Every structure is written in structure tokens, then in C-alpha cells.
Amino acid sequence: MTLFTKEGCEKCEYVKRTIDLEHLGVREQQLNGENYQALAELAYYGLVEKAQKTLPILVTEDNQVVVHAGRIKSYLQRQARA
């Protein structure tokens, strides 16, 4: 799973602070002007426009897209219990 975030994003920090991403195997891709791999991956999933409007964005192992911090946290909590 991949979590797209950006520096200074309160909602992104909330998810990272409240969920053990490493334990769940979630890889963070921080979007900034220098992380071209993150931008390319975002484009691969067709999420550039969505990321301009809202972050964080989670892409699951089966390529589902989960947006909004609360939904991402709920999804990841369910995965942790599974």
C-alpha cells in the first residue's frame, strides 16, 4: 500500500501519527517538487488532479483509492485487525 502525503499537511500527519504504517506495510510517498518518483507514481494511478484537491490519499494493494484522513484511518484499522 502507498500513502501519498505532503509536508505540512495536518490530515497527513494525523494519519501518520495514529496508525503504525510500517507495521501494516504502508509505504509513504511524500509529494514535493523534488520527489519525482512520487509524482510519477501519482500520475500512474491517475491521481494528480485528486491530489491537488485533497491529501492524504491511500492506494491499497488491490489498487483501490481511499481519500480523506478518517476513511484512511478506518481502512487501515480494519486491515490491522484482519
Protein backbone atom coordinates (compact mmCIF):
# COMPACT_ATOMS: atom_id res chain seq x y z
CA MET A 1 0.00 0.00 0.00
CA THR A 2 1.11 3.54 -0.67
CA LEU A 3 0.15 6.66 1.26
CA PHE A 4 0.61 9.91 -0.61
CA THR A 5 1.26 12.84 1.71
CA LYS A 6 2.84 16.27 1.72
CA GLU A 7 4.84 18.14 4.30
CA GLY A 8 2.81 20.46 6.49
CA CYS A 9 -0.48 18.65 5.83
CA GLU A 10 -2.30 18.28 9.16
CA LYS A 11 -4.50 15.45 7.90
CA CYS A 12 -1.46 13.59 6.59
CA GLU A 13 0.30 13.99 9.93
CA TYR A 14 -2.82 12.77 11.75
CA VAL A 15 -2.83 9.51 9.81
CA LYS A 16 0.90 9.00 10.26
CA ARG A 17 0.66 9.78 13.98
CA THR A 18 -2.30 7.50 14.73
CA ILE A 19 -1.53 4.43 12.58
CA ASP A 20 1.61 2.27 12.60
CA LEU A 21 2.18 2.47 8.86
CA GLU A 22 5.37 0.42 8.91
CA HIS A 23 3.66 -2.45 10.73
CA LEU A 24 0.96 -2.55 8.04
CA GLY A 25 3.49 -2.37 5.21
CA VAL A 26 2.34 1.07 4.07
CA ARG A 27 4.93 2.97 2.09
CA GLU A 28 4.76 6.75 2.33
CA GLN A 29 5.37 8.84 -0.76
CA GLN A 30 5.77 12.48 0.17
CA LEU A 31 4.80 14.81 -2.65
CA ASN A 32 7.12 17.73 -3.19
CA GLY A 33 8.96 19.32 -6.07
CA GLU A 34 11.95 17.00 -5.67
CA ASN A 35 10.37 13.57 -5.28
CA TYR A 36 9.84 12.75 -8.94
CA GLN A 37 9.19 9.08 -8.21
CA ALA A 38 6.20 10.03 -6.03
CA LEU A 39 4.85 12.33 -8.73
CA ALA A 40 5.29 9.65 -11.39
CA GLU A 41 3.52 7.08 -9.22
CA LEU A 42 0.70 9.52 -8.53
CA ALA A 43 0.32 10.06 -12.29
CA TYR A 44 0.41 6.30 -12.91
CA TYR A 45 -2.66 5.90 -10.69
CA GLY A 46 -4.36 8.89 -12.34
CA LEU A 47 -4.47 10.80 -9.07
CA VAL A 48 -2.69 14.07 -9.87
CA GLU A 49 -5.88 16.12 -10.05
CA LYS A 50 -7.28 14.49 -6.91
CA ALA A 51 -4.03 15.18 -5.02
CA GLN A 52 -4.27 18.85 -5.96
CA LYS A 53 -7.60 18.95 -4.12
CA THR A 54 -7.07 16.66 -1.14
CA LEU A 55 -4.45 14.67 0.72
CA PRO A 56 -3.69 12.16 2.09
CA ILE A 57 -4.50 9.51 -0.48
CA LEU A 58 -4.05 5.79 0.12
CA VAL A 59 -3.68 3.30 -2.73
CA THR A 60 -4.35 -0.21 -1.48
CA GLU A 61 -2.73 -3.45 -2.58
CA ASP A 62 -5.61 -4.09 -4.98
CA ASN A 63 -5.38 -0.51 -6.36
CA GLN A 64 -8.41 0.87 -4.53
CA VAL A 65 -8.14 4.56 -3.75
CA VAL A 66 -9.07 5.77 -0.28
CA VAL A 67 -9.17 9.51 0.38
CA HIS A 68 -9.70 11.63 3.49
CA ALA A 69 -7.84 11.03 6.74
CA GLY A 70 -10.76 9.49 8.63
CA ARG A 71 -11.54 6.99 5.89
CA ILE A 72 -7.88 6.08 5.52
CA LYS A 73 -7.53 5.57 9.27
CA SER A 74 -10.67 3.38 9.37
CA TYR A 75 -9.47 1.32 6.40
CA LEU A 76 -6.04 0.77 7.92
CA GLN A 77 -7.50 -0.12 11.31
CA ARG A 78 -9.62 -2.79 9.62
CA GLN A 79 -6.51 -4.12 7.89
CA ALA A 80 -4.67 -4.27 11.22
CA ARG A 81 -7.46 -6.41 12.70
CA ALA A 82 -7.60 -8.76 9.70
